[in-house]
PDB file of N, CA and C in Angstrom:
ATOM      1  N   MET A   1       2.019  22.555  -1.488  1.00  0.00           N
ATOM      2  CA  MET A   1       1.573  22.156  -1.882  1.00  0.00           C
ATOM      3  C   MET A   1       1.578  20.267  -2.666  1.00  0.00           C
ATOM      4  N   GLN A   2       2.698  19.855  -1.660  1.00  0.00           N
ATOM      5  CA  GLN A   2       3.062  18.965  -2.113  1.00  0.00           C
ATOM      6  C   GLN A   2       2.223  18.195  -1.373  1.00  0.00           C
ATOM      7  N   PHE A   3       2.024  18.358  -0.183  1.00  0.00           N
ATOM      8  CA  PHE A   3       1.450  17.323   0.796  1.00  0.00           C
ATOM      9  C   PHE A   3      -0.063  17.298   0.019  1.00  0.00           C
ATOM     10  N   ILE A   4      -0.888  18.007  -0.300  1.00  0.00           N
ATOM     11  CA  ILE A   4      -2.535  18.345  -0.985  1.00  0.00           C
ATOM     12  C   ILE A   4      -1.835  16.646  -2.524  1.00  0.00           C
ATOM     13  N   LYS A   5      -1.316  17.221  -3.110  1.00  0.00           N
ATOM     14  CA  LYS A   5      -1.270  16.237  -3.809  1.00  0.00           C
ATOM     15  C   LYS A   5      -0.312  14.748  -3.253  1.00  0.00           C
ATOM     16  N   ILE A   6      -0.248  14.473  -1.953  1.00  0.00           N
ATOM     17  CA  ILE A   6       0.037  12.987  -1.840  1.00  0.00           C
ATOM     18  C   ILE A   6      -1.151  12.598  -0.884  1.00  0.00           C
ATOM     19  N   MET A   7      -1.645  13.715  -0.472  1.00  0.00           N
ATOM     20  CA  MET A   7      -2.941  13.320   0.261  1.00  0.00           C
ATOM     21  C   MET A   7      -3.863  12.939  -0.648  1.00  0.00           C
ATOM     22  N   GLN A   8      -3.697  13.720  -2.027  1.00  0.00           N
ATOM     23  CA  GLN A   8      -4.518  13.086  -2.671  1.00  0.00           C
ATOM     24  C   GLN A   8      -5.027  12.116  -3.787  1.00  0.00           C
ATOM     25  N   THR A   9      -3.569  12.142  -3.135  1.00  0.00           N
ATOM     26  CA  THR A   9      -3.334  10.353  -4.321  1.00  0.00           C
ATOM     27  C   THR A   9      -3.478   9.161  -3.537  1.00  0.00           C
ATOM     28  N   LEU A  10      -3.205   9.514  -2.354  1.00  0.00           N
ATOM     29  CA  LEU A  10      -3.322   8.293  -1.480  1.00  0.00           C
ATOM     30  C   LEU A  10      -5.033   8.196  -1.359  1.00  0.00           C
ATOM     31  N   MET A  11      -5.699   9.015  -1.161  1.00  0.00           N
ATOM     32  CA  MET A  11      -6.667   8.930  -1.065  1.00  0.00           C
ATOM     33  C   MET A  11      -7.610   7.881  -2.646  1.00  0.00           C
ATOM     34  N   LEU A  12      -7.346   8.394  -3.494  1.00  0.00           N
ATOM     35  CA  LEU A  12      -7.015   7.812  -5.173  1.00  0.00           C
ATOM     36  C   LEU A  12      -6.905   5.889  -4.352  1.00  0.00           C
ATOM     37  N   MET A  13      -5.731   6.447  -3.911  1.00  0.00           N
ATOM     38  CA  MET A  13      -4.972   4.209  -3.570  1.00  0.00           C
ATOM     39  C   MET A  13      -6.078   3.721  -2.834  1.00  0.00           C
ATOM     40  N   LEU A  14      -6.457   4.429  -1.960  1.00  0.00           N
ATOM     41  CA  LEU A  14      -6.545   3.328  -0.392  1.00  0.00           C
ATOM     42  C   LEU A  14      -7.259   2.489  -0.687  1.00  0.00           C
ATOM     43  N   PRO A  15      -8.780   2.738  -1.393  1.00  0.00           N
ATOM     44  CA  PRO A  15      -8.319   0.987  -2.216  1.00  0.00           C
ATOM     45  C   PRO A  15      -8.680  -0.101  -2.456  1.00  0.00           C
ATOM     46  N   THR A  16      -7.718   0.500  -3.723  1.00  0.00           N
ATOM     47  CA  THR A  16      -6.960  -0.011  -4.649  1.00  0.00           C
ATOM     48  C   THR A  16      -6.057  -0.958  -3.290  1.00  0.00           C
ATOM     49  N   LEU A  17      -5.301  -0.288  -2.882  1.00  0.00           N
ATOM     50  CA  LEU A  17      -3.989  -0.432  -1.846  1.00  0.00           C
ATOM     51  C   LEU A  17      -4.854  -1.761  -1.003  1.00  0.00           C
ATOM     52  N   ILE A  18      -6.074  -1.816  -0.089  1.00  0.00           N
ATOM     53  CA  ILE A  18      -6.460  -2.604   1.052  1.00  0.00           C
ATOM     54  C   ILE A  18      -7.084  -3.949  -0.121  1.00  0.00           C
ATOM     55  N   ASN A  19      -7.253  -3.681  -1.597  1.00  0.00           N
ATOM     56  CA  ASN A  19      -7.584  -5.314  -2.286  1.00  0.00           C
ATOM     57  C   ASN A  19      -5.728  -5.382  -2.134  1.00  0.00           C
ATOM     58  N   VAL A  20      -4.791  -4.719  -2.379  1.00  0.00           N
ATOM     59  CA  VAL A  20      -4.080  -5.610  -2.827  1.00  0.00           C
ATOM     60  C   VAL A  20      -3.291  -5.669  -1.139  1.00  0.00           C
ATOM     61  N   VAL A  21      -3.610  -5.310  -0.219  1.00  0.00           N
ATOM     62  CA  VAL A  21      -2.906  -5.975   0.662  1.00  0.00           C
ATOM     63  C   VAL A  21      -3.762  -7.278   1.000  1.00  0.00           C
ATOM     64  N   ARG A  22      -5.032  -7.504   0.950  1.00  0.00           N
ATOM     65  CA  ARG A  22      -5.388  -8.793   1.482  1.00  0.00           C
ATOM     66  C   ARG A  22      -5.348  -9.643   0.219  1.00  0.00           C
ATOM     67  N   GLN A  23      -5.054  -9.501  -1.003  1.00  0.00           N
ATOM     68  CA  GLN A  23      -4.756 -10.228  -2.011  1.00  0.00           C
ATOM     69  C   GLN A  23      -3.300 -10.568  -1.904  1.00  0.00           C
ATOM     70  N   VAL A  24      -2.630 -10.011  -1.229  1.00  0.00           N
ATOM     71  CA  VAL A  24      -0.474 -10.405  -0.814  1.00  0.00           C
ATOM     72  C   VAL A  24      -1.239 -10.905  -0.127  1.00  0.00           C
ATOM     73  N   GLN A  25      -1.906 -11.048   1.329  1.00  0.00           N
ATOM     74  CA  GLN A  25      -2.266 -11.791   2.493  1.00  0.00           C
ATOM     75  C   GLN A  25      -2.405 -13.406   2.002  1.00  0.00           C
ATOM     76  N   GLU A  26      -3.397 -13.523   1.385  1.00  0.00           N
ATOM     77  CA  GLU A  26      -4.332 -14.519   1.157  1.00  0.00           C
ATOM     78  C   GLU A  26      -3.161 -15.458   0.086  1.00  0.00           C
ATOM     79  N   LEU A  27      -2.055 -14.574  -0.897  1.00  0.00           N
ATOM     80  CA  LEU A  27      -0.851 -15.542  -1.283  1.00  0.00           C
ATOM     81  C   LEU A  27      -0.168 -15.663  -1.177  1.00  0.00           C
ATOM     82  N   PHE A  28      -0.234 -15.411  -0.108  1.00  0.00           N
ATOM     83  CA  PHE A  28       1.154 -15.706   0.953  1.00  0.00           C
ATOM     84  C   PHE A  28       0.936 -15.004   2.350  1.00  0.00           C
ATOM     85  N   PRO A  29       0.266 -16.274   3.661  1.00  0.00           N
ATOM     86  CA  PRO A  29      -0.389 -16.403   4.067  1.00  0.00           C
ATOM     87  C   PRO A  29       0.994 -15.931   5.602  1.00  0.00           C
ATOM     88  N   GLN A  30       2.529 -17.088   4.448  1.00  0.00           N
ATOM     89  CA  GLN A  30       3.640 -16.471   5.518  1.00  0.00           C
ATOM     90  C   GLN A  30       3.622 -14.963   6.075  1.00  0.00           C
ATOM     91  N   LYS A  31       3.801 -15.060   7.318  1.00  0.00           N
ATOM     92  CA  LYS A  31       4.383 -14.054   8.140  1.00  0.00           C
ATOM     93  C   LYS A  31       6.127 -13.757   8.173  1.00  0.00           C
ATOM     94  N   GLU A  32       6.619 -14.741   8.271  1.00  0.00           N
ATOM     95  CA  GLU A  32       8.506 -14.482   7.257  1.00  0.00           C
ATOM     96  C   GLU A  32       8.341 -14.411   6.617  1.00  0.00           C
ATOM     97  N   LEU A  33       7.300 -14.235   5.041  1.00  0.00           N
ATOM     98  CA  LEU A  33       7.859 -13.090   3.991  1.00  0.00           C
ATOM     99  C   LEU A  33       7.052 -11.887   4.563  1.00  0.00           C
ATOM    100  N   GLY A  34       6.871 -11.409   5.311  1.00  0.00           N
ATOM    101  CA  GLY A  34       6.523  -9.944   5.235  1.00  0.00           C
ATOM    102  C   GLY A  34       7.313  -8.934   4.681  1.00  0.00           C
ATOM    103  N   PRO A  35       8.904  -9.291   4.887  1.00  0.00           N
ATOM    104  CA  PRO A  35       8.974  -7.234   3.751  1.00  0.00           C
ATOM    105  C   PRO A  35       9.163  -8.192   2.599  1.00  0.00           C
ATOM    106  N   GLN A  36       8.849  -9.127   1.402  1.00  0.00           N
ATOM    107  CA  GLN A  36       9.105  -9.921   0.187  1.00  0.00           C
ATOM    108  C   GLN A  36       7.769  -8.886   0.074  1.00  0.00           C
ATOM    109  N   LYS A  37       6.344  -9.335   0.484  1.00  0.00           N
ATOM    110  CA  LYS A  37       5.568  -8.932   0.337  1.00  0.00           C
ATOM    111  C   LYS A  37       5.819  -7.573   0.268  1.00  0.00           C
ATOM    112  N   LEU A  38       6.072  -6.870   1.215  1.00  0.00           N
ATOM    113  CA  LEU A  38       5.979  -5.349   0.753  1.00  0.00           C
ATOM    114  C   LEU A  38       6.920  -4.764   0.030  1.00  0.00           C
ATOM    115  N   GLU A  39       7.521  -5.748   0.044  1.00  0.00           N
ATOM    116  CA  GLU A  39       8.760  -4.999  -1.554  1.00  0.00           C
ATOM    117  C   GLU A  39       7.439  -5.270  -3.261  1.00  0.00           C
ATOM    118  N   LEU A  40       6.901  -6.325  -2.618  1.00  0.00           N
ATOM    119  CA  LEU A  40       5.918  -7.068  -4.306  1.00  0.00           C
ATOM    120  C   LEU A  40       5.059  -5.606  -4.244  1.00  0.00           C
ATOM    121  N   VAL A  41       4.669  -4.974  -3.476  1.00  0.00           N
ATOM    122  CA  VAL A  41       3.631  -4.169  -3.075  1.00  0.00           C
ATOM    123  C   VAL A  41       4.301  -3.031  -3.352  1.00  0.00           C
ATOM    124  N   LYS A  42       5.256  -2.836  -3.302  1.00  0.00           N
ATOM    125  CA  LYS A  42       6.570  -1.332  -3.465  1.00  0.00           C
ATOM    126  C   LYS A  42       6.320  -1.688  -5.319  1.00  0.00           C
ATOM    127  N   GLN A  43       7.021  -2.856  -5.975  1.00  0.00           N
ATOM    128  CA  GLN A  43       6.847  -2.990  -6.972  1.00  0.00           C
ATOM    129  C   GLN A  43       6.069  -2.643  -8.461  1.00  0.00           C
ATOM    130  N   MET A  44       4.327  -3.011  -7.937  1.00  0.00           N
ATOM    131  CA  MET A  44       3.094  -3.152  -7.828  1.00  0.00           C
ATOM    132  C   MET A  44       2.930  -1.559  -8.046  1.00  0.00           C
ATOM    133  N   THR A  45       3.105  -1.114  -7.006  1.00  0.00           N
ATOM    134  CA  THR A  45       2.548   0.774  -6.499  1.00  0.00           C
ATOM    135  C   THR A  45       3.530   1.425  -7.216  1.00  0.00           C
ATOM    136  N   GLU A  46       5.082   1.031  -8.072  1.00  0.00           N
ATOM    137  CA  GLU A  46       5.816   2.016  -8.988  1.00  0.00           C
ATOM    138  C   GLU A  46       5.751   1.819 -10.073  1.00  0.00           C
ATOM    139  N   ALA A  47       5.355   0.183 -11.068  1.00  0.00           N
ATOM    140  CA  ALA A  47       5.469   0.111 -11.846  1.00  0.00           C
ATOM    141  C   ALA A  47       3.939   0.655 -12.485  1.00  0.00           C
ATOM    142  N   ALA A  48       3.252   0.609 -11.810  1.00  0.00           N
ATOM    143  CA  ALA A  48       1.848   1.595 -12.482  1.00  0.00           C
ATOM    144  C   ALA A  48       2.105   2.636 -12.377  1.00  0.00           C
ATOM    145  N   HIS A  49       2.799   3.758 -11.195  1.00  0.00           N
ATOM    146  CA  HIS A  49       3.162   4.958 -11.409  1.00  0.00           C
ATOM    147  C   HIS A  49       3.788   5.410 -12.432  1.00  0.00           C
ATOM    148  N   GLN A  50       5.221   4.532 -12.748  1.00  0.00           N
ATOM    149  CA  GLN A  50       5.432   4.470 -14.038  1.00  0.00           C
ATOM    150  C   GLN A  50       4.935   4.416 -14.931  1.00  0.00           C
ATOM    151  N   ALA A  51       4.212   4.326 -15.021  1.00  0.00           N
ATOM    152  CA  ALA A  51       3.465   3.362 -16.809  1.00  0.00           C
ATOM    153  C   ALA A  51       2.253   4.634 -16.395  1.00  0.00           C
ATOM    154  N   ASP A  52       2.257   6.078 -15.388  1.00  0.00           N
ATOM    155  CA  ASP A  52       0.309   6.574 -15.906  1.00  0.00           C
ATOM    156  C   ASP A  52       1.366   8.153 -15.778  1.00  0.00           C
ATOM    157  N   PRO A  53       2.061   8.246 -16.898  1.00  0.00           N
ATOM    158  CA  PRO A  53       2.631  10.190 -17.611  1.00  0.00           C
ATOM    159  C   PRO A  53       1.623  10.905 -16.918  1.00  0.00           C
ATOM    160  N   ASP A  54       0.254  10.852 -16.520  1.00  0.00           N
ATOM    161  CA  ASP A  54      -0.323  11.909 -15.833  1.00  0.00           C
ATOM    162  C   ASP A  54       0.065  12.464 -14.315  1.00  0.00           C
ATOM    163  N   THR A  55       1.360  11.316 -13.852  1.00  0.00           N
ATOM    164  CA  THR A  55       1.383  11.256 -12.315  1.00  0.00           C
ATOM    165  C   THR A  55       1.702  13.219 -12.367  1.00  0.00           C
ATOM    166  N   ASN A  56       1.850  13.179 -11.404  1.00  0.00           N
ATOM    167  CA  ASN A  56       2.110  14.367 -10.850  1.00  0.00           C
ATOM    168  C   ASN A  56       3.037  14.628  -8.949  1.00  0.00           C
ATOM    169  N   VAL A  57       3.193  13.260  -8.691  1.00  0.00           N
ATOM    170  CA  VAL A  57       3.927  12.991  -7.484  1.00  0.00           C
ATOM    171  C   VAL A  57       5.245  12.411  -7.982  1.00  0.00           C
ATOM    172  N   ASP A  58       6.442  12.303  -7.294  1.00  0.00           N
ATOM    173  CA  ASP A  58       7.098  11.739  -8.097  1.00  0.00           C
ATOM    174  C   ASP A  58       7.522  10.598  -6.613  1.00  0.00           C
ATOM    175  N   PHE A  59       8.093   9.665  -7.201  1.00  0.00           N
ATOM    176  CA  PHE A  59       7.440   7.783  -6.574  1.00  0.00           C
ATOM    177  C   PHE A  59       8.141   7.961  -5.194  1.00  0.00           C
ATOM    178  N   ASP A  60       9.322   8.884  -5.687  1.00  0.00           N
ATOM    179  CA  ASP A  60       9.884   8.619  -4.082  1.00  0.00           C
ATOM    180  C   ASP A  60       9.147   8.721  -3.099  1.00  0.00           C
ATOM    181  N   GLN A  61       8.654  10.302  -3.309  1.00  0.00           N
ATOM    182  CA  GLN A  61       8.397  10.689  -2.279  1.00  0.00           C
ATOM    183  C   GLN A  61       6.744  10.755  -1.815  1.00  0.00           C
ATOM    184  N   LEU A  62       6.392   9.580  -2.582  1.00  0.00           N
ATOM    185  CA  LEU A  62       4.533   8.702  -2.463  1.00  0.00           C
ATOM    186  C   LEU A  62       5.236   7.333  -1.725  1.00  0.00           C
ATOM    187  N   TRP A  63       6.281   6.929  -1.865  1.00  0.00           N
ATOM    188  CA  TRP A  63       6.035   5.279  -1.355  1.00  0.00           C
ATOM    189  C   TRP A  63       6.488   5.531   0.069  1.00  0.00           C
ATOM    190  N   PRO A  64       7.471   6.892   0.708  1.00  0.00           N
ATOM    191  CA  PRO A  64       7.097   6.591   2.488  1.00  0.00           C
ATOM    192  C   PRO A  64       5.518   6.501   3.068  1.00  0.00           C
ATOM    193  N   ALA A  65       4.673   7.456   2.122  1.00  0.00           N
ATOM    194  CA  ALA A  65       3.687   7.747   3.229  1.00  0.00           C
ATOM    195  C   ALA A  65       2.362   6.104   2.697  1.00  0.00           C
ATOM    196  N   VAL A  66       2.752   5.522   1.376  1.00  0.00           N
ATOM    197  CA  VAL A  66       1.950   4.181   1.062  1.00  0.00           C
ATOM    198  C   VAL A  66       2.423   3.611   1.552  1.00  0.00           C
ATOM    199  N   ARG A  67       4.091   3.690   2.306  1.00  0.00           N
ATOM    200  CA  ARG A  67       4.332   2.174   2.730  1.00  0.00           C
ATOM    201  C   ARG A  67       3.607   1.976   5.016  1.00  0.00           C
ATOM    202  N   ARG A  68       3.219   3.944   4.817  1.00  0.00           N
ATOM    203  CA  ARG A  68       2.735   4.435   6.408  1.00  0.00           C
ATOM    204  C   ARG A  68       0.774   2.947   6.192  1.00  0.00           C
ATOM    205  N   VAL A  69       0.513   3.926   4.684  1.00  0.00           N
ATOM    206  CA  VAL A  69      -0.735   3.250   4.804  1.00  0.00           C
ATOM    207  C   VAL A  69      -1.500   2.142   5.141  1.00  0.00           C
ATOM    208  N   ILE A  70       0.077   1.022   4.465  1.00  0.00           N
ATOM    209  CA  ILE A  70       0.304  -0.009   4.413  1.00  0.00           C
ATOM    210  C   ILE A  70       0.081  -0.873   5.327  1.00  0.00           C
ATOM    211  N   GLU A  71       1.387  -0.126   5.974  1.00  0.00           N
ATOM    212  CA  GLU A  71       0.527  -0.450   7.810  1.00  0.00           C
ATOM    213  C   GLU A  71      -0.012  -0.546   8.076  1.00  0.00           C
ATOM    214  N   GLY A  72      -0.864   0.345   8.239  1.00  0.00           N
ATOM    215  CA  GLY A  72      -1.585   0.889   9.345  1.00  0.00           C
ATOM    216  C   GLY A  72      -3.222   0.104   8.485  1.00  0.00           C
ATOM    217  N   ILE A  73      -3.053  -0.407   6.767  1.00  0.00           N
ATOM    218  CA  ILE A  73      -3.981  -0.959   6.641  1.00  0.00           C
ATOM    219  C   ILE A  73      -3.447  -2.077   7.266  1.00  0.00           C
ATOM    220  N   LEU A  74      -2.410  -3.184   7.425  1.00  0.00           N
ATOM    221  CA  LEU A  74      -2.377  -4.287   8.559  1.00  0.00           C
ATOM    222  C   LEU A  74      -2.231  -4.584   9.505  1.00  0.00           C
ATOM    223  N   THR A  75      -2.088  -3.210  10.080  1.00  0.00           N
ATOM    224  CA  THR A  75      -2.901  -2.933  11.860  1.00  0.00           C
ATOM    225  C   THR A  75      -3.602  -3.480  11.720  1.00  0.00           C
ATOM    226  N   LEU A  76      -4.664  -3.018  10.963  1.00  0.00           N
ATOM    227  CA  LEU A  76      -6.146  -3.424  10.968  1.00  0.00           C
ATOM    228  C   LEU A  76      -6.672  -4.257  10.978  1.00  0.00           C
ATOM    229  N   VAL A  77      -5.766  -5.014   9.511  1.00  0.00           N
ATOM    230  CA  VAL A  77      -6.823  -6.329   9.575  1.00  0.00           C
ATOM    231  C   VAL A  77      -6.262  -7.225  10.690  1.00  0.00           C
ATOM    232  N   LYS A  78      -5.097  -7.452  11.223  1.00  0.00           N
ATOM    233  CA  LYS A  78      -4.973  -7.632  11.926  1.00  0.00           C
ATOM    234  C   LYS A  78      -5.165  -7.341  13.670  1.00  0.00           C
ATOM    235  N   SER A  79      -5.777  -6.431  13.886  1.00  0.00           N
ATOM    236  CA  SER A  79      -6.572  -6.255  14.849  1.00  0.00           C
ATOM    237  C   SER A  79      -8.595  -6.831  14.930  1.00  0.00           C
ATOM    238  N   ASP A  80      -8.955  -6.144  13.365  1.00  0.00           N
ATOM    239  CA  ASP A  80      -9.790  -7.261  13.147  1.00  0.00           C
ATOM    240  C   ASP A  80      -9.665  -9.356  13.451  1.00  0.00           C
ATOM    241  N   ALA A  81      -8.294  -9.033  13.374  1.00  0.00           N
ATOM    242  CA  ALA A  81      -8.318 -11.362  12.918  1.00  0.00           C
ATOM    243  C   ALA A  81      -8.668 -11.342  14.357  1.00  0.00           C
ATOM    244  N   ALA A  82      -8.055 -10.392  14.856  1.00  0.00           N
ATOM    245  CA  ALA A  82      -7.652 -11.191  17.072  1.00  0.00           C
ATOM    246  C   ALA A  82      -9.078 -11.323  17.326  1.00  0.00           C
ATOM    247  N   ALA A  83      -9.810  -9.872  17.175  1.00  0.00           N
ATOM    248  CA  ALA A  83     -10.960  -9.444  17.704  1.00  0.00           C
ATOM    249  C   ALA A  83     -11.911 -10.805  17.864  1.00  0.00           C
ATOM    250  N   PRO A  84     -12.055 -11.325  18.959  1.00  0.00           N
ATOM    251  CA  PRO A  84     -13.440 -12.062  19.322  1.00  0.00           C
ATOM    252  C   PRO A  84     -14.766 -12.365  18.446  1.00  0.00           C
ATOM    253  N   LYS A  85     -14.994 -12.804  17.790  1.00  0.00           N
ATOM    254  CA  LYS A  85     -16.305 -12.864  16.434  1.00  0.00           C
ATOM    255  C   LYS A  85     -17.148 -13.419  17.288  1.00  0.00           C
TER     256      LYS A  85
END
């Protein structure tokens, strides 16, 4: 049942993750800062997770899935930016 908990958590987080990725990209557009930007998002996510007493998913189990979602968001953002207008 952990899969269901993680999937539900990701679905709830998706709009926020999209906004966070956009904001971080706008604030730090330098491509060479990729690892630092990802670490910033991780720290923000972990801080929010720790502040929520009702969380039902362990952060160490959640983070790999969140990271993959972020990578997917970045792929979509980059392909949209490269698309002809």
